[in-house]
N, C-alpha and C. Protein backbone atom coordinates (compact mmCIF):
# COMPACT_ATOMS: atom_id res chain seq x y z
N MET A 1 60.18 60.40 6.64
CA MET A 1 61.53 59.94 6.38
C MET A 1 62.08 60.63 5.13
N SER A 2 63.32 61.15 5.20
CA SER A 2 63.91 61.82 4.05
C SER A 2 64.27 60.80 2.98
N ILE A 3 64.49 61.31 1.77
CA ILE A 3 64.87 60.42 0.67
C ILE A 3 66.19 59.72 0.96
N PHE A 4 67.11 60.40 1.67
CA PHE A 4 68.41 59.80 1.98
C PHE A 4 68.27 58.70 3.03
N SER A 5 67.46 58.96 4.04
CA SER A 5 67.23 57.95 5.07
C SER A 5 66.51 56.74 4.50
N ASN A 6 65.57 56.99 3.61
CA ASN A 6 64.83 55.90 2.98
C ASN A 6 65.75 55.03 2.12
N LEU A 7 66.63 55.70 1.37
CA LEU A 7 67.58 54.97 0.54
C LEU A 7 68.54 54.15 1.40
N SER A 8 69.03 54.75 2.49
CA SER A 8 69.92 54.05 3.39
C SER A 8 69.24 52.82 4.00
N TYR A 9 67.98 52.98 4.39
CA TYR A 9 67.23 51.87 4.98
C TYR A 9 67.07 50.73 3.97
N LYS A 10 66.69 51.07 2.74
CA LYS A 10 66.50 50.04 1.71
C LYS A 10 67.81 49.32 1.40
N SER A 11 68.91 50.09 1.39
CA SER A 11 70.21 49.49 1.11
C SER A 11 70.61 48.51 2.21
N ARG A 12 70.43 48.92 3.46
CA ARG A 12 70.77 48.02 4.58
C ARG A 12 69.89 46.77 4.58
N LYS A 13 68.64 46.96 4.28
CA LYS A 13 67.72 45.82 4.23
C LYS A 13 68.15 44.83 3.16
N LYS A 14 68.55 45.34 2.00
CA LYS A 14 68.99 44.47 0.91
C LYS A 14 70.27 43.71 1.28
N LYS A 15 71.20 44.40 1.94
CA LYS A 15 72.43 43.75 2.36
C LYS A 15 72.15 42.61 3.34
N LEU A 16 71.22 42.82 4.25
CA LEU A 16 70.87 41.77 5.20
C LEU A 16 70.19 40.60 4.49
N GLU A 17 69.35 40.89 3.52
CA GLU A 17 68.69 39.82 2.76
C GLU A 17 69.72 38.96 2.04
N ILE A 18 70.71 39.60 1.44
CA ILE A 18 71.76 38.85 0.75
C ILE A 18 72.56 38.03 1.76
N PHE A 19 72.85 38.61 2.92
CA PHE A 19 73.57 37.89 3.97
C PHE A 19 72.85 36.60 4.36
N TYR A 20 71.56 36.70 4.63
CA TYR A 20 70.80 35.51 5.04
C TYR A 20 70.72 34.49 3.91
N ASP A 21 70.59 34.94 2.68
CA ASP A 21 70.53 34.02 1.54
C ASP A 21 71.85 33.26 1.36
N LEU A 22 72.97 33.97 1.52
CA LEU A 22 74.27 33.34 1.32
C LEU A 22 74.67 32.43 2.48
N VAL A 23 74.43 32.89 3.69
CA VAL A 23 74.96 32.21 4.87
C VAL A 23 74.00 31.16 5.42
N SER A 24 72.70 31.44 5.36
CA SER A 24 71.66 30.55 5.92
C SER A 24 72.02 30.11 7.34
N PRO A 25 72.19 31.06 8.26
CA PRO A 25 72.59 30.69 9.62
C PRO A 25 71.47 29.97 10.36
N ASP A 26 71.85 29.19 11.37
CA ASP A 26 70.89 28.57 12.26
C ASP A 26 71.36 28.77 13.69
N LYS A 27 70.71 28.12 14.64
CA LYS A 27 71.01 28.35 16.06
C LYS A 27 72.41 27.91 16.45
N ASN A 28 73.05 27.06 15.62
CA ASN A 28 74.39 26.57 15.94
C ASN A 28 75.49 27.37 15.25
N THR A 29 75.12 28.34 14.43
CA THR A 29 76.10 29.14 13.70
C THR A 29 76.68 30.21 14.63
N LYS A 30 77.98 30.16 14.82
CA LYS A 30 78.65 31.16 15.66
C LYS A 30 78.98 32.39 14.81
N VAL A 31 78.35 33.51 15.15
CA VAL A 31 78.47 34.73 14.36
C VAL A 31 79.13 35.82 15.19
N LEU A 32 80.07 36.54 14.57
CA LEU A 32 80.69 37.72 15.19
C LEU A 32 80.30 38.94 14.37
N ASP A 33 79.72 39.93 15.05
CA ASP A 33 79.37 41.20 14.42
C ASP A 33 80.42 42.24 14.83
N VAL A 34 81.29 42.60 13.89
CA VAL A 34 82.37 43.55 14.17
C VAL A 34 81.85 44.97 13.97
N GLY A 35 81.91 45.77 15.03
CA GLY A 35 81.39 47.13 14.97
C GLY A 35 79.89 47.20 15.22
N ALA A 36 79.36 46.21 15.91
CA ALA A 36 77.92 46.14 16.16
C ALA A 36 77.43 47.34 16.96
N GLU A 37 76.22 47.78 16.62
CA GLU A 37 75.56 48.85 17.35
C GLU A 37 74.08 48.53 17.47
N VAL A 38 73.45 49.09 18.50
CA VAL A 38 72.00 48.98 18.66
C VAL A 38 71.33 50.04 17.81
N ASP A 39 70.25 49.67 17.12
CA ASP A 39 69.50 50.64 16.32
C ASP A 39 68.36 51.21 17.16
N PHE A 40 68.35 52.53 17.31
CA PHE A 40 67.29 53.20 18.06
C PHE A 40 66.36 54.00 17.14
N SER A 41 66.39 53.69 15.84
CA SER A 41 65.57 54.44 14.89
C SER A 41 64.12 53.97 14.88
N GLY A 42 63.87 52.80 15.48
CA GLY A 42 62.51 52.26 15.46
C GLY A 42 62.25 51.30 14.31
N LYS A 43 63.23 51.15 13.42
CA LYS A 43 63.09 50.23 12.29
C LYS A 43 63.75 48.92 12.68
N ARG A 44 63.01 48.01 13.24
CA ARG A 44 63.57 46.77 13.73
C ARG A 44 64.23 45.99 12.59
N GLY A 45 65.43 45.52 12.85
CA GLY A 45 66.14 44.72 11.87
C GLY A 45 67.10 45.51 11.02
N LEU A 46 67.20 46.83 11.23
CA LEU A 46 68.12 47.63 10.44
C LEU A 46 69.56 47.23 10.72
N GLN A 47 69.86 46.88 11.97
CA GLN A 47 71.15 46.31 12.33
C GLN A 47 70.99 44.80 12.51
N LEU A 48 72.04 44.06 12.22
CA LEU A 48 71.97 42.60 12.33
C LEU A 48 71.50 42.17 13.71
N ILE A 49 72.09 42.76 14.76
CA ILE A 49 71.78 42.29 16.11
C ILE A 49 70.32 42.56 16.50
N ASP A 50 69.67 43.53 15.87
CA ASP A 50 68.30 43.85 16.24
C ASP A 50 67.30 42.85 15.66
N GLY A 51 67.64 42.22 14.55
CA GLY A 51 66.71 41.30 13.93
C GLY A 51 67.14 39.85 13.95
N TYR A 52 68.30 39.56 14.56
CA TYR A 52 68.83 38.20 14.51
C TYR A 52 68.05 37.27 15.44
N GLN A 53 67.78 36.09 14.94
CA GLN A 53 66.89 35.16 15.66
C GLN A 53 67.58 34.44 16.81
N TRP A 54 68.89 34.18 16.69
CA TRP A 54 69.59 33.35 17.68
C TRP A 54 70.70 34.17 18.34
N ARG A 55 70.32 35.12 19.16
CA ARG A 55 71.31 36.03 19.73
C ARG A 55 72.25 35.35 20.71
N SER A 56 71.88 34.23 21.27
CA SER A 56 72.76 33.54 22.21
C SER A 56 74.01 32.99 21.51
N SER A 57 73.96 32.85 20.18
CA SER A 57 75.14 32.40 19.43
C SER A 57 75.78 33.54 18.66
N LEU A 58 75.39 34.77 19.00
CA LEU A 58 75.90 35.97 18.33
C LEU A 58 76.80 36.75 19.28
N THR A 59 77.99 37.09 18.84
CA THR A 59 78.94 37.88 19.62
C THR A 59 79.10 39.24 18.96
N ALA A 60 79.09 40.29 19.77
CA ALA A 60 79.28 41.64 19.27
C ALA A 60 80.58 42.20 19.80
N VAL A 61 81.34 42.88 18.93
CA VAL A 61 82.55 43.56 19.36
C VAL A 61 82.51 44.99 18.83
N ASN A 62 82.89 45.93 19.69
CA ASN A 62 82.91 47.34 19.31
C ASN A 62 84.03 48.03 20.09
N LEU A 63 84.66 49.00 19.44
CA LEU A 63 85.75 49.73 20.08
C LEU A 63 85.26 50.60 21.23
N SER A 64 83.98 50.99 21.19
CA SER A 64 83.40 51.88 22.20
C SER A 64 82.76 51.08 23.33
N ASP A 65 83.18 51.36 24.56
CA ASP A 65 82.56 50.69 25.70
C ASP A 65 81.12 51.15 25.90
N GLN A 66 80.80 52.38 25.43
CA GLN A 66 79.42 52.85 25.52
C GLN A 66 78.49 52.05 24.62
N HIS A 67 78.93 51.80 23.39
CA HIS A 67 78.13 50.98 22.49
C HIS A 67 77.96 49.57 23.04
N CYS A 68 79.03 49.03 23.60
CA CYS A 68 78.96 47.68 24.17
C CYS A 68 77.98 47.63 25.34
N ALA A 69 77.98 48.66 26.17
CA ALA A 69 77.07 48.72 27.31
C ALA A 69 75.61 48.77 26.84
N LYS A 70 75.34 49.53 25.77
CA LYS A 70 73.98 49.62 25.24
C LYS A 70 73.51 48.29 24.68
N ILE A 71 74.42 47.57 24.01
CA ILE A 71 74.06 46.26 23.47
C ILE A 71 73.75 45.29 24.61
N SER A 72 74.61 45.27 25.62
CA SER A 72 74.41 44.36 26.76
C SER A 72 73.12 44.66 27.50
N GLU A 73 72.79 45.94 27.60
CA GLU A 73 71.57 46.33 28.29
C GLU A 73 70.32 45.88 27.52
N LYS A 74 70.37 46.03 26.20
CA LYS A 74 69.19 45.69 25.40
C LYS A 74 69.09 44.19 25.13
N TYR A 75 70.25 43.54 24.95
CA TYR A 75 70.25 42.11 24.61
C TYR A 75 71.19 41.36 25.55
N PRO A 76 70.76 41.11 26.78
CA PRO A 76 71.65 40.48 27.77
C PRO A 76 72.03 39.05 27.41
N GLU A 77 71.31 38.43 26.48
CA GLU A 77 71.65 37.05 26.09
C GLU A 77 72.86 36.99 25.16
N MET A 78 73.29 38.13 24.64
CA MET A 78 74.41 38.18 23.71
C MET A 78 75.74 38.26 24.45
N THR A 79 76.78 37.76 23.80
CA THR A 79 78.15 37.98 24.27
C THR A 79 78.65 39.29 23.66
N VAL A 80 79.13 40.19 24.50
CA VAL A 80 79.56 41.51 24.03
C VAL A 80 80.96 41.78 24.57
N GLN A 81 81.83 42.30 23.71
CA GLN A 81 83.21 42.54 24.12
C GLN A 81 83.74 43.81 23.47
N VAL A 82 84.44 44.61 24.26
CA VAL A 82 85.14 45.76 23.71
C VAL A 82 86.37 45.26 22.97
N GLY A 83 86.56 45.75 21.76
CA GLY A 83 87.71 45.29 20.99
C GLY A 83 87.94 46.10 19.74
N ASP A 84 89.15 46.04 19.22
CA ASP A 84 89.59 46.77 18.04
C ASP A 84 89.44 45.87 16.82
N ALA A 85 88.79 46.35 15.77
CA ALA A 85 88.59 45.57 14.55
C ALA A 85 89.92 45.20 13.89
N CYS A 86 90.96 45.97 14.15
CA CYS A 86 92.27 45.69 13.57
C CYS A 86 93.13 44.80 14.47
N ASN A 87 92.59 44.41 15.61
CA ASN A 87 93.30 43.53 16.54
C ASN A 87 92.26 42.77 17.36
N LEU A 88 91.54 41.88 16.69
CA LEU A 88 90.40 41.21 17.31
C LEU A 88 90.85 40.29 18.45
N PRO A 89 90.16 40.34 19.58
CA PRO A 89 90.58 39.58 20.77
C PRO A 89 90.03 38.16 20.79
N PHE A 90 90.21 37.42 19.68
CA PHE A 90 89.68 36.07 19.58
C PHE A 90 90.72 35.16 18.91
N PRO A 91 90.70 33.87 19.24
CA PRO A 91 91.62 32.92 18.59
C PRO A 91 91.27 32.70 17.11
N ASP A 92 92.19 32.08 16.39
CA ASP A 92 91.98 31.78 14.98
C ASP A 92 90.73 30.92 14.79
N LYS A 93 89.98 31.26 13.74
CA LYS A 93 88.81 30.49 13.31
C LYS A 93 87.81 30.25 14.45
N SER A 94 87.58 31.29 15.25
CA SER A 94 86.66 31.18 16.38
C SER A 94 85.19 31.21 15.96
N PHE A 95 84.92 31.76 14.75
CA PHE A 95 83.54 31.98 14.35
C PHE A 95 83.27 31.40 12.97
N ASP A 96 82.03 30.95 12.79
CA ASP A 96 81.62 30.40 11.49
C ASP A 96 81.50 31.51 10.45
N ILE A 97 81.01 32.67 10.86
CA ILE A 97 80.83 33.79 9.95
C ILE A 97 81.09 35.09 10.69
N ILE A 98 81.80 35.99 10.04
CA ILE A 98 82.00 37.33 10.59
C ILE A 98 81.23 38.31 9.72
N TYR A 99 80.42 39.11 10.38
CA TYR A 99 79.60 40.13 9.72
C TYR A 99 80.10 41.49 10.17
N SER A 100 80.23 42.41 9.23
CA SER A 100 80.60 43.78 9.59
C SER A 100 80.00 44.72 8.57
N ASN A 101 79.19 45.66 9.05
CA ASN A 101 78.49 46.58 8.16
C ASN A 101 79.05 47.99 8.29
N ALA A 102 79.67 48.48 7.21
CA ALA A 102 80.12 49.87 7.12
C ALA A 102 81.03 50.26 8.29
N VAL A 103 82.04 49.43 8.52
CA VAL A 103 83.03 49.70 9.56
C VAL A 103 84.42 49.91 8.96
N ILE A 104 84.77 49.12 7.97
CA ILE A 104 86.14 49.10 7.45
C ILE A 104 86.57 50.46 6.89
N GLU A 105 85.61 51.26 6.44
CA GLU A 105 85.98 52.59 5.92
C GLU A 105 86.30 53.59 7.03
N HIS A 106 86.10 53.19 8.29
CA HIS A 106 86.33 54.10 9.42
C HIS A 106 87.58 53.76 10.24
N VAL A 107 88.32 52.71 9.86
CA VAL A 107 89.43 52.28 10.73
C VAL A 107 90.72 53.03 10.47
N GLY A 108 90.80 53.78 9.36
CA GLY A 108 92.02 54.53 9.06
C GLY A 108 92.38 54.43 7.60
N ASP A 109 93.68 54.46 7.31
CA ASP A 109 94.14 54.43 5.93
C ASP A 109 94.07 53.01 5.37
N PHE A 110 94.56 52.85 4.14
CA PHE A 110 94.44 51.55 3.47
C PHE A 110 95.20 50.46 4.21
N GLU A 111 96.33 50.79 4.81
CA GLU A 111 97.08 49.79 5.58
C GLU A 111 96.26 49.30 6.77
N ALA A 112 95.54 50.21 7.42
CA ALA A 112 94.67 49.81 8.54
C ALA A 112 93.51 48.95 8.03
N GLN A 113 92.98 49.28 6.87
CA GLN A 113 91.90 48.48 6.28
C GLN A 113 92.39 47.06 5.97
N LYS A 114 93.60 46.94 5.45
CA LYS A 114 94.16 45.62 5.18
C LYS A 114 94.36 44.84 6.48
N LYS A 115 94.77 45.54 7.53
CA LYS A 115 94.96 44.88 8.83
C LYS A 115 93.63 44.35 9.36
N MET A 116 92.57 45.15 9.24
CA MET A 116 91.25 44.67 9.66
C MET A 116 90.84 43.44 8.86
N ALA A 117 91.08 43.48 7.56
CA ALA A 117 90.73 42.33 6.71
C ALA A 117 91.51 41.09 7.13
N GLU A 118 92.79 41.24 7.42
CA GLU A 118 93.61 40.11 7.88
C GLU A 118 93.07 39.52 9.17
N GLU A 119 92.66 40.39 10.10
CA GLU A 119 92.10 39.91 11.36
C GLU A 119 90.78 39.17 11.14
N ILE A 120 89.95 39.69 10.26
CA ILE A 120 88.67 39.04 9.97
C ILE A 120 88.89 37.65 9.37
N MET A 121 89.83 37.56 8.43
CA MET A 121 90.09 36.27 7.79
C MET A 121 90.81 35.31 8.73
N ARG A 122 91.50 35.85 9.72
CA ARG A 122 92.13 34.99 10.74
C ARG A 122 91.11 34.40 11.68
N VAL A 123 90.20 35.23 12.14
CA VAL A 123 89.25 34.83 13.19
C VAL A 123 88.05 34.07 12.62
N GLY A 124 87.67 34.35 11.38
CA GLY A 124 86.46 33.77 10.83
C GLY A 124 86.72 32.66 9.83
N LYS A 125 85.81 31.69 9.80
CA LYS A 125 85.84 30.66 8.77
C LYS A 125 85.23 31.19 7.47
N SER A 126 84.37 32.18 7.60
CA SER A 126 83.82 32.90 6.45
C SER A 126 83.50 34.32 6.89
N TRP A 127 83.21 35.19 5.92
CA TRP A 127 83.00 36.60 6.26
C TRP A 127 82.08 37.28 5.25
N TYR A 128 81.40 38.31 5.77
CA TYR A 128 80.48 39.12 4.96
C TYR A 128 80.70 40.56 5.41
N ILE A 129 81.46 41.32 4.61
CA ILE A 129 81.93 42.64 5.01
C ILE A 129 81.39 43.67 4.01
N THR A 130 80.71 44.69 4.51
CA THR A 130 80.13 45.70 3.63
C THR A 130 80.81 47.06 3.84
N THR A 131 80.78 47.86 2.78
CA THR A 131 81.33 49.22 2.85
C THR A 131 80.69 50.06 1.76
N PRO A 132 80.51 51.36 1.95
CA PRO A 132 79.96 52.20 0.88
C PRO A 132 80.88 52.20 -0.35
N ASN A 133 80.27 52.30 -1.50
CA ASN A 133 81.01 52.34 -2.75
C ASN A 133 81.54 53.76 -2.99
N ARG A 134 82.85 53.90 -3.02
CA ARG A 134 83.44 55.23 -3.21
C ARG A 134 82.93 55.89 -4.50
N TRP A 135 82.69 55.13 -5.55
CA TRP A 135 82.35 55.70 -6.85
C TRP A 135 80.86 55.96 -7.03
N TYR A 136 80.06 55.70 -6.01
CA TYR A 136 78.67 56.13 -6.08
C TYR A 136 78.67 57.67 -6.04
N PRO A 137 77.90 58.32 -6.93
CA PRO A 137 78.05 59.78 -7.08
C PRO A 137 77.42 60.63 -5.98
N PHE A 138 77.18 60.04 -4.82
CA PHE A 138 76.66 60.82 -3.71
C PHE A 138 77.26 60.28 -2.43
N GLU A 139 77.83 61.15 -1.62
CA GLU A 139 78.47 60.74 -0.39
C GLU A 139 77.49 60.93 0.77
N PHE A 140 77.12 59.82 1.43
CA PHE A 140 76.04 59.87 2.40
C PHE A 140 76.47 60.41 3.76
N HIS A 141 77.77 60.39 4.07
CA HIS A 141 78.22 60.98 5.33
C HIS A 141 78.10 62.51 5.27
N LEU A 142 78.60 63.08 4.16
CA LEU A 142 78.54 64.53 3.97
C LEU A 142 77.26 64.99 3.28
N ARG A 143 76.58 64.04 2.63
CA ARG A 143 75.38 64.35 1.84
C ARG A 143 75.67 65.42 0.79
N LEU A 144 76.72 65.15 0.02
CA LEU A 144 77.11 66.01 -1.08
C LEU A 144 77.37 65.15 -2.32
N PRO A 145 77.05 65.67 -3.52
CA PRO A 145 77.26 64.89 -4.75
C PRO A 145 78.67 65.02 -5.30
N PHE A 146 79.14 63.94 -5.92
CA PHE A 146 80.33 63.91 -6.77
C PHE A 146 81.67 64.14 -6.07
N ILE A 147 81.70 64.52 -4.82
CA ILE A 147 83.00 64.85 -4.20
C ILE A 147 83.91 63.62 -4.07
N THR A 148 83.34 62.41 -4.02
CA THR A 148 84.18 61.22 -3.90
C THR A 148 84.86 60.88 -5.22
N TRP A 149 84.50 61.57 -6.29
CA TRP A 149 85.18 61.36 -7.57
C TRP A 149 86.49 62.13 -7.67
N LEU A 150 86.75 62.98 -6.71
CA LEU A 150 88.01 63.72 -6.71
C LEU A 150 89.18 62.77 -6.53
N PRO A 151 90.29 62.99 -7.23
CA PRO A 151 91.45 62.09 -7.10
C PRO A 151 92.11 62.21 -5.73
N PHE A 152 92.84 61.15 -5.38
CA PHE A 152 93.63 61.13 -4.15
C PHE A 152 92.79 61.43 -2.90
N HIS A 153 91.58 60.88 -2.89
CA HIS A 153 90.69 61.07 -1.74
C HIS A 153 90.52 62.55 -1.41
N GLY A 154 90.33 63.36 -2.46
CA GLY A 154 90.18 64.80 -2.28
C GLY A 154 88.97 65.20 -1.48
N TYR A 155 88.01 64.28 -1.33
CA TYR A 155 86.82 64.59 -0.53
C TYR A 155 87.17 64.87 0.93
N LYS A 156 88.35 64.41 1.36
CA LYS A 156 88.74 64.65 2.74
C LYS A 156 88.96 66.14 3.02
N ILE A 157 89.31 66.89 1.96
CA ILE A 157 89.48 68.34 2.12
C ILE A 157 88.15 68.97 2.52
N PHE A 158 87.06 68.53 1.86
CA PHE A 158 85.74 69.06 2.18
C PHE A 158 85.36 68.74 3.62
N ARG A 159 85.76 67.57 4.10
CA ARG A 159 85.41 67.18 5.46
C ARG A 159 86.11 68.06 6.50
N LYS A 160 87.17 68.76 6.09
CA LYS A 160 87.85 69.69 7.00
C LYS A 160 87.20 71.07 7.01
N LEU A 161 86.32 71.30 6.02
CA LEU A 161 85.70 72.61 5.88
C LEU A 161 84.22 72.62 6.24
N ILE A 162 83.53 71.51 5.92
CA ILE A 162 82.09 71.47 6.12
C ILE A 162 81.70 70.07 6.58
N CYS A 163 80.70 70.00 7.41
CA CYS A 163 80.24 68.70 7.89
C CYS A 163 78.72 68.70 7.95
N TYR A 164 78.18 67.49 7.96
CA TYR A 164 76.73 67.35 8.05
C TYR A 164 76.38 66.72 9.39
N ASN A 165 75.53 67.39 10.15
CA ASN A 165 75.09 66.88 11.45
C ASN A 165 73.85 66.04 11.22
N HIS A 166 73.99 64.71 11.34
CA HIS A 166 72.87 63.82 11.06
C HIS A 166 71.79 63.90 12.12
N ALA A 167 72.16 64.24 13.33
CA ALA A 167 71.16 64.37 14.40
C ALA A 167 70.30 65.62 14.19
N LYS A 168 70.96 66.74 13.85
CA LYS A 168 70.23 68.00 13.64
C LYS A 168 69.75 68.17 12.20
N ARG A 169 70.26 67.28 11.30
CA ARG A 169 69.87 67.29 9.89
C ARG A 169 70.17 68.64 9.23
N ARG A 170 71.39 69.09 9.41
CA ARG A 170 71.78 70.33 8.76
C ARG A 170 73.30 70.37 8.59
N TYR A 171 73.74 71.21 7.65
CA TYR A 171 75.16 71.38 7.38
C TYR A 171 75.74 72.44 8.32
N GLY A 172 77.04 72.34 8.53
CA GLY A 172 77.72 73.33 9.34
C GLY A 172 79.17 73.43 8.95
N PHE A 173 79.81 74.51 9.35
CA PHE A 173 81.22 74.69 9.07
C PHE A 173 82.04 74.10 10.22
N GLY A 174 83.21 73.67 9.86
CA GLY A 174 84.06 73.06 10.87
C GLY A 174 84.40 71.64 10.49
N SER A 175 85.50 71.14 10.99
CA SER A 175 86.01 69.84 10.59
C SER A 175 85.15 68.69 11.09
N ASP A 176 84.92 67.73 10.19
CA ASP A 176 84.33 66.46 10.59
C ASP A 176 85.49 65.57 11.03
N THR A 177 85.55 65.27 12.30
CA THR A 177 86.71 64.57 12.85
C THR A 177 86.63 63.05 12.73
N SER A 178 85.51 62.53 12.24
CA SER A 178 85.39 61.09 12.11
C SER A 178 86.35 60.58 11.04
N ASN A 179 86.91 59.40 11.30
CA ASN A 179 87.90 58.82 10.39
C ASN A 179 87.18 58.14 9.24
N LEU A 180 87.44 58.59 8.01
CA LEU A 180 86.74 58.01 6.87
C LEU A 180 87.67 57.90 5.68
N GLN A 181 87.80 56.69 5.16
CA GLN A 181 88.48 56.47 3.88
C GLN A 181 87.64 55.49 3.08
N LEU A 182 86.92 56.03 2.11
CA LEU A 182 86.02 55.21 1.31
C LEU A 182 86.80 54.28 0.40
N MET A 183 86.15 53.17 0.02
CA MET A 183 86.81 52.12 -0.75
C MET A 183 86.11 51.87 -2.07
N SER A 184 86.90 51.50 -3.06
CA SER A 184 86.36 51.04 -4.33
C SER A 184 86.31 49.52 -4.32
N ALA A 185 85.70 48.94 -5.34
CA ALA A 185 85.67 47.48 -5.45
C ALA A 185 87.09 46.93 -5.54
N SER A 186 87.97 47.66 -6.23
CA SER A 186 89.37 47.24 -6.35
C SER A 186 90.06 47.24 -4.99
N ASP A 187 89.81 48.27 -4.19
CA ASP A 187 90.40 48.33 -2.85
C ASP A 187 89.93 47.16 -2.00
N LEU A 188 88.63 46.88 -2.06
CA LEU A 188 88.07 45.80 -1.25
C LEU A 188 88.63 44.45 -1.69
N ARG A 189 88.81 44.28 -2.99
CA ARG A 189 89.37 43.03 -3.52
C ARG A 189 90.82 42.85 -3.07
N LYS A 190 91.57 43.93 -2.97
CA LYS A 190 92.95 43.84 -2.50
C LYS A 190 93.00 43.42 -1.04
N CYS A 191 92.02 43.85 -0.27
CA CYS A 191 91.96 43.48 1.15
C CYS A 191 91.49 42.04 1.34
N PHE A 192 90.56 41.61 0.50
CA PHE A 192 90.00 40.25 0.58
C PHE A 192 90.20 39.57 -0.78
N PRO A 193 91.45 39.18 -1.11
CA PRO A 193 91.78 38.76 -2.48
C PRO A 193 91.07 37.49 -2.95
N GLU A 194 90.68 36.61 -2.06
CA GLU A 194 90.03 35.36 -2.46
C GLU A 194 88.52 35.43 -2.31
N SER A 195 87.98 36.61 -2.11
CA SER A 195 86.56 36.77 -1.83
C SER A 195 85.79 37.21 -3.08
N GLU A 196 84.50 36.92 -3.06
CA GLU A 196 83.61 37.44 -4.09
C GLU A 196 83.23 38.88 -3.71
N ILE A 197 83.31 39.79 -4.66
CA ILE A 197 82.89 41.16 -4.42
C ILE A 197 81.50 41.35 -5.03
N ILE A 198 80.53 41.57 -4.16
CA ILE A 198 79.13 41.72 -4.56
C ILE A 198 78.78 43.20 -4.57
N LYS A 199 77.94 43.60 -5.52
CA LYS A 199 77.59 45.02 -5.67
C LYS A 199 76.07 45.20 -5.59
N PRO A 200 75.51 45.16 -4.38
CA PRO A 200 74.05 45.35 -4.24
C PRO A 200 73.66 46.78 -4.62
N ARG A 201 72.48 46.92 -5.17
CA ARG A 201 72.02 48.28 -5.49
C ARG A 201 70.51 48.36 -5.35
N VAL A 202 70.05 49.54 -5.01
CA VAL A 202 68.61 49.83 -4.98
C VAL A 202 68.29 51.00 -5.89
N THR A 203 69.35 51.61 -6.48
CA THR A 203 69.15 52.68 -7.46
C THR A 203 69.81 52.25 -8.77
N PHE A 204 70.39 53.18 -9.51
CA PHE A 204 70.93 52.90 -10.84
C PHE A 204 72.30 52.24 -10.80
N MET A 205 73.00 52.30 -9.64
CA MET A 205 74.29 51.62 -9.51
C MET A 205 74.50 51.24 -8.05
N ALA A 206 75.53 50.43 -7.80
CA ALA A 206 75.76 49.91 -6.46
C ALA A 206 76.10 51.02 -5.48
N GLU A 207 75.29 51.19 -4.46
CA GLU A 207 75.57 52.16 -3.40
C GLU A 207 76.59 51.61 -2.42
N THR A 208 76.69 50.30 -2.38
CA THR A 208 77.53 49.64 -1.38
C THR A 208 78.23 48.47 -2.01
N LEU A 209 79.27 47.96 -1.33
CA LEU A 209 80.05 46.83 -1.80
C LEU A 209 80.11 45.79 -0.69
N VAL A 210 80.20 44.53 -1.07
CA VAL A 210 80.27 43.44 -0.09
C VAL A 210 81.40 42.49 -0.47
N ALA A 211 82.23 42.14 0.50
CA ALA A 211 83.23 41.09 0.33
C ALA A 211 82.71 39.85 1.04
N TYR A 212 82.48 38.77 0.29
CA TYR A 212 82.00 37.53 0.87
C TYR A 212 82.97 36.42 0.51
N GLY A 213 83.47 35.76 1.52
CA GLY A 213 84.45 34.70 1.26
C GLY A 213 84.51 33.66 2.36
N LYS A 214 85.28 32.60 2.06
CA LYS A 214 85.46 31.51 3.01
C LYS A 214 86.92 31.10 3.03
N SER A 215 87.39 30.69 4.20
CA SER A 215 88.76 30.20 4.29
C SER A 215 88.82 28.80 3.69
N GLU A 216 89.95 28.49 3.11
CA GLU A 216 90.11 27.18 2.46
C GLU A 216 90.35 26.08 3.48
């Protein structure tokens, strides 16, 4: 395992540990995982749905019908639905807790991020939303140092010139077409104004950010 993969694994594990400590779910807790995916890395529990004990009370939503099909195939006891994180197909306060790991930075610009946050707070009685910390001095999508410190999201220029292929584990020229707008703690607080912003870390500073809150 590379140092980057190891760090990513430890970070995800820590985020899940904090989630379980804060939420303490049981078999009656209705949970929605926004942007859920199946983990095929062999590290059981890296994704919430892979290690969750009560999958019959867990609902997964993903924009991709392919991801939804893979979840349904692996975990037929789960409820799975194709849906947009910025327009969730559920009534108000349908779930006790909404979990979403590293999705909000992929939905578009800041207005789209605020829309996703509004939908999460509408549908959930509480929420646990994670996103990479923009100010961490290493960008894990591109695997390059310091570029996220550029003003005005200048790292997006690099994404038009060079990309990192995670499957082949090598850099290449050409545009990375994935939608990415990294967030700071201030950005996340603006999206979830009444939430606690948690800064988990496994190195010298927080690699990731978490918004944890409850509706009044």
